[in-house]
Amino acid sequence: LGKPPVASGTLEPWASGLCALAALPNTVA
């Protein structure tokens, strides 16, 4: 999942980056 910062408990900017990637049909995770 693009190595989100789980230890810190924060979502951004990881979440926005992930969602932008997922918006493209040729991507999976």
mmCIF file of all heavy atoms, coordinates in Angstrom:
data_MODEL
# 
_entry.id   MODEL 
# 
loop_
_atom_site.group_PDB 
_atom_site.id 
_atom_site.type_symbol 
_atom_site.label_atom_id 
_atom_site.label_alt_id 
_atom_site.label_comp_id 
_atom_site.label_asym_id 
_atom_site.label_entity_id 
_atom_site.label_seq_id 
_atom_site.pdbx_PDB_ins_code 
_atom_site.Cartn_x 
_atom_site.Cartn_y 
_atom_site.Cartn_z 
_atom_site.occupancy 
_atom_site.B_iso_or_equiv 
_atom_site.pdbx_formal_charge 
_atom_site.auth_seq_id 
_atom_site.auth_comp_id 
_atom_site.auth_asym_id 
_atom_site.auth_atom_id 
_atom_site.pdbx_PDB_model_num 
ATOM 1   N N   . LEU A 1 1  ? 0.820  -1.225 0.000   1.00 0.00 ? 1  LEU A N   1 
ATOM 2   C CA  . LEU A 1 1  ? 0.000  0.000  0.000   1.00 0.00 ? 1  LEU A CA  1 
ATOM 3   C C   . LEU A 1 1  ? 0.851  1.272  0.000   1.00 0.00 ? 1  LEU A C   1 
ATOM 4   O O   . LEU A 1 1  ? 0.411  2.332  0.450   1.00 0.00 ? 1  LEU A O   1 
ATOM 5   C CB  . LEU A 1 1  ? -0.961 0.031  1.197   1.00 0.00 ? 1  LEU A CB  1 
ATOM 6   C CG  . LEU A 1 1  ? -2.027 -1.056 1.259   1.00 0.00 ? 1  LEU A CG  1 
ATOM 7   C CD1 . LEU A 1 1  ? -2.981 -0.780 2.429   1.00 0.00 ? 1  LEU A CD1 1 
ATOM 8   C CD2 . LEU A 1 1  ? -2.810 -1.156 -0.043  1.00 0.00 ? 1  LEU A CD2 1 
ATOM 9   N N   . GLY A 1 2  ? 2.076  1.172  -0.496  1.00 0.00 ? 2  GLY A N   1 
ATOM 10  C CA  . GLY A 1 2  ? 2.923  2.363  -0.526  1.00 0.00 ? 2  GLY A CA  1 
ATOM 11  C C   . GLY A 1 2  ? 3.502  2.724  0.827   1.00 0.00 ? 2  GLY A C   1 
ATOM 12  O O   . GLY A 1 2  ? 3.897  3.872  1.052   1.00 0.00 ? 2  GLY A O   1 
ATOM 13  N N   . LYS A 1 3  ? 3.557  1.755  1.738   1.00 0.00 ? 3  LYS A N   1 
ATOM 14  C CA  . LYS A 1 3  ? 4.192  1.923  3.049   1.00 0.00 ? 3  LYS A CA  1 
ATOM 15  C C   . LYS A 1 3  ? 3.647  3.123  3.837   1.00 0.00 ? 3  LYS A C   1 
ATOM 16  O O   . LYS A 1 3  ? 4.381  4.089  4.121   1.00 0.00 ? 3  LYS A O   1 
ATOM 17  C CB  . LYS A 1 3  ? 5.713  2.007  2.898   1.00 0.00 ? 3  LYS A CB  1 
ATOM 18  C CG  . LYS A 1 3  ? 6.312  0.740  2.284   1.00 0.00 ? 3  LYS A CG  1 
ATOM 19  C CD  . LYS A 1 3  ? 7.783  0.608  2.557   1.00 0.00 ? 3  LYS A CD  1 
ATOM 20  C CE  . LYS A 1 3  ? 8.269  -0.802 2.228   1.00 0.00 ? 3  LYS A CE  1 
ATOM 21  N NZ  . LYS A 1 3  ? 9.663  -1.028 2.606   1.00 0.00 ? 3  LYS A NZ  1 
ATOM 22  N N   . PRO A 1 4  ? 2.374  3.075  4.197   1.00 0.00 ? 4  PRO A N   1 
ATOM 23  C CA  . PRO A 1 4  ? 1.788  4.191  4.961   1.00 0.00 ? 4  PRO A CA  1 
ATOM 24  C C   . PRO A 1 4  ? 2.415  4.316  6.345   1.00 0.00 ? 4  PRO A C   1 
ATOM 25  O O   . PRO A 1 4  ? 2.932  3.334  6.900   1.00 0.00 ? 4  PRO A O   1 
ATOM 26  C CB  . PRO A 1 4  ? 0.314  3.790  5.068   1.00 0.00 ? 4  PRO A CB  1 
ATOM 27  C CG  . PRO A 1 4  ? 0.309  2.297  4.956   1.00 0.00 ? 4  PRO A CG  1 
ATOM 28  C CD  . PRO A 1 4  ? 1.416  1.976  3.986   1.00 0.00 ? 4  PRO A CD  1 
ATOM 29  N N   . PRO A 1 5  ? 2.349  5.511  6.939   1.00 0.00 ? 5  PRO A N   1 
ATOM 30  C CA  . PRO A 1 5  ? 2.991  5.751  8.242   1.00 0.00 ? 5  PRO A CA  1 
ATOM 31  C C   . PRO A 1 5  ? 2.133  5.257  9.407   1.00 0.00 ? 5  PRO A C   1 
ATOM 32  O O   . PRO A 1 5  ? 1.641  6.040  10.215  1.00 0.00 ? 5  PRO A O   1 
ATOM 33  C CB  . PRO A 1 5  ? 3.149  7.270  8.261   1.00 0.00 ? 5  PRO A CB  1 
ATOM 34  C CG  . PRO A 1 5  ? 1.987  7.767  7.458   1.00 0.00 ? 5  PRO A CG  1 
ATOM 35  C CD  . PRO A 1 5  ? 1.774  6.749  6.369   1.00 0.00 ? 5  PRO A CD  1 
ATOM 36  N N   . VAL A 1 6  ? 1.968  3.950  9.495   1.00 0.00 ? 6  VAL A N   1 
ATOM 37  C CA  . VAL A 1 6  ? 1.075  3.368  10.497  1.00 0.00 ? 6  VAL A CA  1 
ATOM 38  C C   . VAL A 1 6  ? 1.525  3.712  11.910  1.00 0.00 ? 6  VAL A C   1 
ATOM 39  O O   . VAL A 1 6  ? 0.701  4.026  12.781  1.00 0.00 ? 6  VAL A O   1 
ATOM 40  C CB  . VAL A 1 6  ? 0.986  1.841  10.320  1.00 0.00 ? 6  VAL A CB  1 
ATOM 41  C CG1 . VAL A 1 6  ? 0.037  1.237  11.360  1.00 0.00 ? 6  VAL A CG1 1 
ATOM 42  C CG2 . VAL A 1 6  ? 0.524  1.474  8.912   1.00 0.00 ? 6  VAL A CG2 1 
ATOM 43  N N   . ALA A 1 7  ? 2.819  3.661  12.168  1.00 0.00 ? 7  ALA A N   1 
ATOM 44  C CA  . ALA A 1 7  ? 3.316  3.896  13.526  1.00 0.00 ? 7  ALA A CA  1 
ATOM 45  C C   . ALA A 1 7  ? 2.954  5.281  14.039  1.00 0.00 ? 7  ALA A C   1 
ATOM 46  O O   . ALA A 1 7  ? 2.718  5.467  15.239  1.00 0.00 ? 7  ALA A O   1 
ATOM 47  C CB  . ALA A 1 7  ? 4.832  3.691  13.575  1.00 0.00 ? 7  ALA A CB  1 
ATOM 48  N N   . SER A 1 8  ? 2.882  6.258  13.140  1.00 0.00 ? 8  SER A N   1 
ATOM 49  C CA  . SER A 1 8  ? 2.558  7.616  13.557  1.00 0.00 ? 8  SER A CA  1 
ATOM 50  C C   . SER A 1 8  ? 1.058  7.851  13.654  1.00 0.00 ? 8  SER A C   1 
ATOM 51  O O   . SER A 1 8  ? 0.618  8.836  14.258  1.00 0.00 ? 8  SER A O   1 
ATOM 52  C CB  . SER A 1 8  ? 3.160  8.621  12.575  1.00 0.00 ? 8  SER A CB  1 
ATOM 53  O OG  . SER A 1 8  ? 2.468  8.577  11.330  1.00 0.00 ? 8  SER A OG  1 
ATOM 54  N N   . GLY A 1 9  ? 0.273  6.974  13.018  1.00 0.00 ? 9  GLY A N   1 
ATOM 55  C CA  . GLY A 1 9  ? -1.173 7.141  13.045  1.00 0.00 ? 9  GLY A CA  1 
ATOM 56  C C   . GLY A 1 9  ? -1.709 8.196  12.103  1.00 0.00 ? 9  GLY A C   1 
ATOM 57  O O   . GLY A 1 9  ? -2.908 8.493  12.116  1.00 0.00 ? 9  GLY A O   1 
ATOM 58  N N   . THR A 1 10 ? -0.861 8.775  11.260  1.00 0.00 ? 10 THR A N   1 
ATOM 59  C CA  . THR A 1 10 ? -1.308 9.813  10.337  1.00 0.00 ? 10 THR A CA  1 
ATOM 60  C C   . THR A 1 10 ? -1.680 9.192  8.989   1.00 0.00 ? 10 THR A C   1 
ATOM 61  O O   . THR A 1 10 ? -1.142 8.152  8.596   1.00 0.00 ? 10 THR A O   1 
ATOM 62  C CB  . THR A 1 10 ? -0.221 10.871 10.121  1.00 0.00 ? 10 THR A CB  1 
ATOM 63  O OG1 . THR A 1 10 ? 0.969  10.221 9.639   1.00 0.00 ? 10 THR A OG1 1 
ATOM 64  C CG2 . THR A 1 10 ? 0.094  11.585 11.429  1.00 0.00 ? 10 THR A CG2 1 
ATOM 65  N N   . LEU A 1 11 ? -2.591 9.856  8.283   1.00 0.00 ? 11 LEU A N   1 
ATOM 66  C CA  . LEU A 1 11 ? -3.027 9.369  6.979   1.00 0.00 ? 11 LEU A CA  1 
ATOM 67  C C   . LEU A 1 11 ? -2.480 10.190 5.814   1.00 0.00 ? 11 LEU A C   1 
ATOM 68  O O   . LEU A 1 11 ? -2.182 9.649  4.743   1.00 0.00 ? 11 LEU A O   1 
ATOM 69  C CB  . LEU A 1 11 ? -4.559 9.365  6.905   1.00 0.00 ? 11 LEU A CB  1 
ATOM 70  C CG  . LEU A 1 11 ? -5.289 8.316  7.748   1.00 0.00 ? 11 LEU A CG  1 
ATOM 71  C CD1 . LEU A 1 11 ? -6.789 8.548  7.703   1.00 0.00 ? 11 LEU A CD1 1 
ATOM 72  C CD2 . LEU A 1 11 ? -4.956 6.913  7.261   1.00 0.00 ? 11 LEU A CD2 1 
ATOM 73  N N   . GLU A 1 12 ? -2.372 11.479 6.003   1.00 0.00 ? 12 GLU A N   1 
ATOM 74  C CA  . GLU A 1 12 ? -1.923 12.349 4.913   1.00 0.00 ? 12 GLU A CA  1 
ATOM 75  C C   . GLU A 1 12 ? -0.431 12.680 5.021   1.00 0.00 ? 12 GLU A C   1 
ATOM 76  O O   . GLU A 1 12 ? 0.103  12.746 6.129   1.00 0.00 ? 12 GLU A O   1 
ATOM 77  C CB  . GLU A 1 12 ? -2.742 13.644 4.920   1.00 0.00 ? 12 GLU A CB  1 
ATOM 78  C CG  . GLU A 1 12 ? -4.208 13.457 4.604   1.00 0.00 ? 12 GLU A CG  1 
ATOM 79  C CD  . GLU A 1 12 ? -4.466 12.957 3.198   1.00 0.00 ? 12 GLU A CD  1 
ATOM 80  O OE1 . GLU A 1 12 ? -3.541 12.978 2.339   1.00 0.00 ? 12 GLU A OE1 1 
ATOM 81  O OE2 . GLU A 1 12 ? -5.589 12.521 2.931   1.00 0.00 ? 12 GLU A OE2 1 
ATOM 82  N N   . PRO A 1 13 ? 0.234  12.852 3.873   1.00 0.00 ? 13 PRO A N   1 
ATOM 83  C CA  . PRO A 1 13 ? -0.305 12.884 2.506   1.00 0.00 ? 13 PRO A CA  1 
ATOM 84  C C   . PRO A 1 13 ? -0.407 11.519 1.830   1.00 0.00 ? 13 PRO A C   1 
ATOM 85  O O   . PRO A 1 13 ? -0.756 11.448 0.651   1.00 0.00 ? 13 PRO A O   1 
ATOM 86  C CB  . PRO A 1 13 ? 0.699  13.769 1.777   1.00 0.00 ? 13 PRO A CB  1 
ATOM 87  C CG  . PRO A 1 13 ? 1.998  13.463 2.466   1.00 0.00 ? 13 PRO A CG  1 
ATOM 88  C CD  . PRO A 1 13 ? 1.654  13.252 3.918   1.00 0.00 ? 13 PRO A CD  1 
ATOM 89  N N   . TRP A 1 14 ? -0.108 10.455 2.577   1.00 0.00 ? 14 TRP A N   1 
ATOM 90  C CA  . TRP A 1 14 ? -0.156 9.116  1.975   1.00 0.00 ? 14 TRP A CA  1 
ATOM 91  C C   . TRP A 1 14 ? -1.508 8.816  1.342   1.00 0.00 ? 14 TRP A C   1 
ATOM 92  O O   . TRP A 1 14 ? -1.578 8.345  0.195   1.00 0.00 ? 14 TRP A O   1 
ATOM 93  C CB  . TRP A 1 14 ? 0.160  8.055  3.040   1.00 0.00 ? 14 TRP A CB  1 
ATOM 94  C CG  . TRP A 1 14 ? -0.233 6.674  2.618   1.00 0.00 ? 14 TRP A CG  1 
ATOM 95  C CD1 . TRP A 1 14 ? 0.481  5.825  1.816   1.00 0.00 ? 14 TRP A CD1 1 
ATOM 96  C CD2 . TRP A 1 14 ? -1.461 5.990  2.922   1.00 0.00 ? 14 TRP A CD2 1 
ATOM 97  N NE1 . TRP A 1 14 ? -0.218 4.659  1.611   1.00 0.00 ? 14 TRP A NE1 1 
ATOM 98  C CE2 . TRP A 1 14 ? -1.410 4.741  2.279   1.00 0.00 ? 14 TRP A CE2 1 
ATOM 99  C CE3 . TRP A 1 14 ? -2.585 6.314  3.690   1.00 0.00 ? 14 TRP A CE3 1 
ATOM 100 C CZ2 . TRP A 1 14 ? -2.455 3.811  2.385   1.00 0.00 ? 14 TRP A CZ2 1 
ATOM 101 C CZ3 . TRP A 1 14 ? -3.630 5.407  3.784   1.00 0.00 ? 14 TRP A CZ3 1 
ATOM 102 C CH2 . TRP A 1 14 ? -3.558 4.160  3.139   1.00 0.00 ? 14 TRP A CH2 1 
ATOM 103 N N   . ALA A 1 15 ? -2.600 9.093  2.055   1.00 0.00 ? 15 ALA A N   1 
ATOM 104 C CA  . ALA A 1 15 ? -3.926 8.717  1.565   1.00 0.00 ? 15 ALA A CA  1 
ATOM 105 C C   . ALA A 1 15 ? -4.250 9.408  0.243   1.00 0.00 ? 15 ALA A C   1 
ATOM 106 O O   . ALA A 1 15 ? -4.792 8.789  -0.684  1.00 0.00 ? 15 ALA A O   1 
ATOM 107 C CB  . ALA A 1 15 ? -4.986 9.030  2.608   1.00 0.00 ? 15 ALA A CB  1 
ATOM 108 N N   . SER A 1 16 ? -3.921 10.684 0.139   1.00 0.00 ? 16 SER A N   1 
ATOM 109 C CA  . SER A 1 16 ? -4.195 11.411 -1.105  1.00 0.00 ? 16 SER A CA  1 
ATOM 110 C C   . SER A 1 16 ? -3.399 10.836 -2.264  1.00 0.00 ? 16 SER A C   1 
ATOM 111 O O   . SER A 1 16 ? -3.905 10.693 -3.383  1.00 0.00 ? 16 SER A O   1 
ATOM 112 C CB  . SER A 1 16 ? -3.876 12.891 -0.932  1.00 0.00 ? 16 SER A CB  1 
ATOM 113 O OG  . SER A 1 16 ? -4.752 13.488 0.005   1.00 0.00 ? 16 SER A OG  1 
ATOM 114 N N   . GLY A 1 17 ? -2.144 10.483 -1.995  1.00 0.00 ? 17 GLY A N   1 
ATOM 115 C CA  . GLY A 1 17 ? -1.314 9.880  -3.035  1.00 0.00 ? 17 GLY A CA  1 
ATOM 116 C C   . GLY A 1 17 ? -1.842 8.535  -3.475  1.00 0.00 ? 17 GLY A C   1 
ATOM 117 O O   . GLY A 1 17 ? -1.865 8.222  -4.673  1.00 0.00 ? 17 GLY A O   1 
ATOM 118 N N   . LEU A 1 18 ? -2.262 7.730  -2.509  1.00 0.00 ? 18 LEU A N   1 
ATOM 119 C CA  . LEU A 1 18 ? -2.817 6.419  -2.832  1.00 0.00 ? 18 LEU A CA  1 
ATOM 120 C C   . LEU A 1 18 ? -4.084 6.557  -3.664  1.00 0.00 ? 18 LEU A C   1 
ATOM 121 O O   . LEU A 1 18 ? -4.274 5.847  -4.664  1.00 0.00 ? 18 LEU A O   1 
ATOM 122 C CB  . LEU A 1 18 ? -3.121 5.650  -1.544  1.00 0.00 ? 18 LEU A CB  1 
ATOM 123 C CG  . LEU A 1 18 ? -3.673 4.241  -1.794  1.00 0.00 ? 18 LEU A CG  1 
ATOM 124 C CD1 . LEU A 1 18 ? -2.552 3.223  -1.700  1.00 0.00 ? 18 LEU A CD1 1 
ATOM 125 C CD2 . LEU A 1 18 ? -4.777 3.881  -0.825  1.00 0.00 ? 18 LEU A CD2 1 
ATOM 126 N N   . CYS A 1 19 ? -4.966 7.454  -3.283  1.00 0.00 ? 19 CYS A N   1 
ATOM 127 C CA  . CYS A 1 19 ? -6.225 7.626  -3.995  1.00 0.00 ? 19 CYS A CA  1 
ATOM 128 C C   . CYS A 1 19 ? -5.998 8.138  -5.416  1.00 0.00 ? 19 CYS A C   1 
ATOM 129 O O   . CYS A 1 19 ? -6.707 7.734  -6.350  1.00 0.00 ? 19 CYS A O   1 
ATOM 130 C CB  . CYS A 1 19 ? -7.147 8.569  -3.232  1.00 0.00 ? 19 CYS A CB  1 
ATOM 131 S SG  . CYS A 1 19 ? -7.776 7.867  -1.680  1.00 0.00 ? 19 CYS A SG  1 
ATOM 132 N N   . ALA A 1 20 ? -5.013 9.004  -5.587  1.00 0.00 ? 20 ALA A N   1 
ATOM 133 C CA  . ALA A 1 20 ? -4.690 9.488  -6.930  1.00 0.00 ? 20 ALA A CA  1 
ATOM 134 C C   . ALA A 1 20 ? -4.204 8.343  -7.812  1.00 0.00 ? 20 ALA A C   1 
ATOM 135 O O   . ALA A 1 20 ? -4.546 8.270  -9.004  1.00 0.00 ? 20 ALA A O   1 
ATOM 136 C CB  . ALA A 1 20 ? -3.645 10.591 -6.848  1.00 0.00 ? 20 ALA A CB  1 
ATOM 137 N N   . LEU A 1 21 ? -3.413 7.446  -7.246  1.00 0.00 ? 21 LEU A N   1 
ATOM 138 C CA  . LEU A 1 21 ? -2.940 6.286  -8.006  1.00 0.00 ? 21 LEU A CA  1 
ATOM 139 C C   . LEU A 1 21 ? -4.107 5.361  -8.334  1.00 0.00 ? 21 LEU A C   1 
ATOM 140 O O   . LEU A 1 21 ? -4.237 4.867  -9.459  1.00 0.00 ? 21 LEU A O   1 
ATOM 141 C CB  . LEU A 1 21 ? -1.871 5.540  -7.218  1.00 0.00 ? 21 LEU A CB  1 
ATOM 142 C CG  . LEU A 1 21 ? -1.181 4.384  -7.953  1.00 0.00 ? 21 LEU A CG  1 
ATOM 143 C CD1 . LEU A 1 21 ? -0.346 4.909  -9.129  1.00 0.00 ? 21 LEU A CD1 1 
ATOM 144 C CD2 . LEU A 1 21 ? -0.301 3.581  -6.999  1.00 0.00 ? 21 LEU A CD2 1 
ATOM 145 N N   . ALA A 1 22 ? -4.966 5.121  -7.355  1.00 0.00 ? 22 ALA A N   1 
ATOM 146 C CA  . ALA A 1 22 ? -6.099 4.209  -7.544  1.00 0.00 ? 22 ALA A CA  1 
ATOM 147 C C   . ALA A 1 22 ? -7.090 4.732  -8.571  1.00 0.00 ? 22 ALA A C   1 
ATOM 148 O O   . ALA A 1 22 ? -7.851 3.952  -9.148  1.00 0.00 ? 22 ALA A O   1 
ATOM 149 C CB  . ALA A 1 22 ? -6.799 3.974  -6.214  1.00 0.00 ? 22 ALA A CB  1 
ATOM 150 N N   . ALA A 1 23 ? -7.086 6.037  -8.806  1.00 0.00 ? 23 ALA A N   1 
ATOM 151 C CA  . ALA A 1 23 ? -8.009 6.608  -9.796  1.00 0.00 ? 23 ALA A CA  1 
ATOM 152 C C   . ALA A 1 23 ? -7.669 6.174  -11.213 1.00 0.00 ? 23 ALA A C   1 
ATOM 153 O O   . ALA A 1 23 ? -8.508 6.304  -12.115 1.00 0.00 ? 23 ALA A O   1 
ATOM 154 C CB  . ALA A 1 23 ? -7.988 8.131  -9.698  1.00 0.00 ? 23 ALA A CB  1 
ATOM 155 N N   . LEU A 1 24 ? -6.469 5.648  -11.425 1.00 0.00 ? 24 LEU A N   1 
ATOM 156 C CA  . LEU A 1 24 ? -6.055 5.172  -12.737 1.00 0.00 ? 24 LEU A CA  1 
ATOM 157 C C   . LEU A 1 24 ? -6.415 3.691  -12.877 1.00 0.00 ? 24 LEU A C   1 
ATOM 158 O O   . LEU A 1 24 ? -6.126 2.893  -11.979 1.00 0.00 ? 24 LEU A O   1 
ATOM 159 C CB  . LEU A 1 24 ? -4.553 5.362  -12.919 1.00 0.00 ? 24 LEU A CB  1 
ATOM 160 C CG  . LEU A 1 24 ? -4.080 6.821  -12.846 1.00 0.00 ? 24 LEU A CG  1 
ATOM 161 C CD1 . LEU A 1 24 ? -2.566 6.882  -12.784 1.00 0.00 ? 24 LEU A CD1 1 
ATOM 162 C CD2 . LEU A 1 24 ? -4.603 7.606  -14.043 1.00 0.00 ? 24 LEU A CD2 1 
ATOM 163 N N   . PRO A 1 25 ? -7.026 3.293  -13.980 1.00 0.00 ? 25 PRO A N   1 
ATOM 164 C CA  . PRO A 1 25 ? -7.538 1.918  -14.101 1.00 0.00 ? 25 PRO A CA  1 
ATOM 165 C C   . PRO A 1 25 ? -6.461 0.856  -14.220 1.00 0.00 ? 25 PRO A C   1 
ATOM 166 O O   . PRO A 1 25 ? -6.748 -0.328 -14.002 1.00 0.00 ? 25 PRO A O   1 
ATOM 167 C CB  . PRO A 1 25 ? -8.389 1.973  -15.373 1.00 0.00 ? 25 PRO A CB  1 
ATOM 168 C CG  . PRO A 1 25 ? -7.814 3.111  -16.165 1.00 0.00 ? 25 PRO A CG  1 
ATOM 169 C CD  . PRO A 1 25 ? -7.372 4.120  -15.150 1.00 0.00 ? 25 PRO A CD  1 
ATOM 170 N N   . ASN A 1 26 ? -5.239 1.243  -14.542 1.00 0.00 ? 26 ASN A N   1 
ATOM 171 C CA  . ASN A 1 26 ? -4.157 0.265  -14.713 1.00 0.00 ? 26 ASN A CA  1 
ATOM 172 C C   . ASN A 1 26 ? -3.332 0.093  -13.446 1.00 0.00 ? 26 ASN A C   1 
ATOM 173 O O   . ASN A 1 26 ? -2.146 -0.244 -13.507 1.00 0.00 ? 26 ASN A O   1 
ATOM 174 C CB  . ASN A 1 26 ? -3.246 0.664  -15.880 1.00 0.00 ? 26 ASN A CB  1 
ATOM 175 C CG  . ASN A 1 26 ? -2.614 2.045  -15.713 1.00 0.00 ? 26 ASN A CG  1 
ATOM 176 O OD1 . ASN A 1 26 ? -3.258 2.966  -15.229 1.00 0.00 ? 26 ASN A OD1 1 
ATOM 177 N ND2 . ASN A 1 26 ? -1.365 2.193  -16.134 1.00 0.00 ? 26 ASN A ND2 1 
ATOM 178 N N   . THR A 1 27 ? -3.955 0.295  -12.284 1.00 0.00 ? 27 THR A N   1 
ATOM 179 C CA  . THR A 1 27 ? -3.253 0.137  -11.013 1.00 0.00 ? 27 THR A CA  1 
ATOM 180 C C   . THR A 1 27 ? -4.005 -0.814 -10.094 1.00 0.00 ? 27 THR A C   1 
ATOM 181 O O   . THR A 1 27 ? -5.236 -0.844 -10.084 1.00 0.00 ? 27 THR A O   1 
ATOM 182 C CB  . THR A 1 27 ? -3.074 1.484  -10.291 1.00 0.00 ? 27 THR A CB  1 
ATOM 183 O OG1 . THR A 1 27 ? -4.366 2.023  -9.959  1.00 0.00 ? 27 THR A OG1 1 
ATOM 184 C CG2 . THR A 1 27 ? -2.319 2.477  -11.168 1.00 0.00 ? 27 THR A CG2 1 
ATOM 185 N N   . VAL A 1 28 ? -3.244 -1.582 -9.332  1.00 0.00 ? 28 VAL A N   1 
ATOM 186 C CA  . VAL A 1 28 ? -3.782 -2.447 -8.282  1.00 0.00 ? 28 VAL A CA  1 
ATOM 187 C C   . VAL A 1 28 ? -2.834 -2.336 -7.093  1.00 0.00 ? 28 VAL A C   1 
ATOM 188 O O   . VAL A 1 28 ? -1.780 -1.718 -7.181  1.00 0.00 ? 28 VAL A O   1 
ATOM 189 C CB  . VAL A 1 28 ? -3.910 -3.914 -8.745  1.00 0.00 ? 28 VAL A CB  1 
ATOM 190 C CG1 . VAL A 1 28 ? -4.889 -4.040 -9.897  1.00 0.00 ? 28 VAL A CG1 1 
ATOM 191 C CG2 . VAL A 1 28 ? -2.558 -4.479 -9.151  1.00 0.00 ? 28 VAL A CG2 1 
ATOM 192 N N   . ALA A 1 29 ? -3.211 -2.932 -5.965  1.00 0.00 ? 29 ALA A N   1 
ATOM 193 C CA  . ALA A 1 29 ? -2.381 -2.805 -4.761  1.00 0.00 ? 29 ALA A CA  1 
ATOM 194 C C   . ALA A 1 29 ? -2.426 -4.076 -3.932  1.00 0.00 ? 29 ALA A C   1 
ATOM 195 O O   . ALA A 1 29 ? -3.365 -4.876 -4.030  1.00 0.00 ? 29 ALA A O   1 
ATOM 196 C CB  . ALA A 1 29 ? -2.833 -1.608 -3.927  1.00 0.00 ? 29 ALA A CB  1 
# 
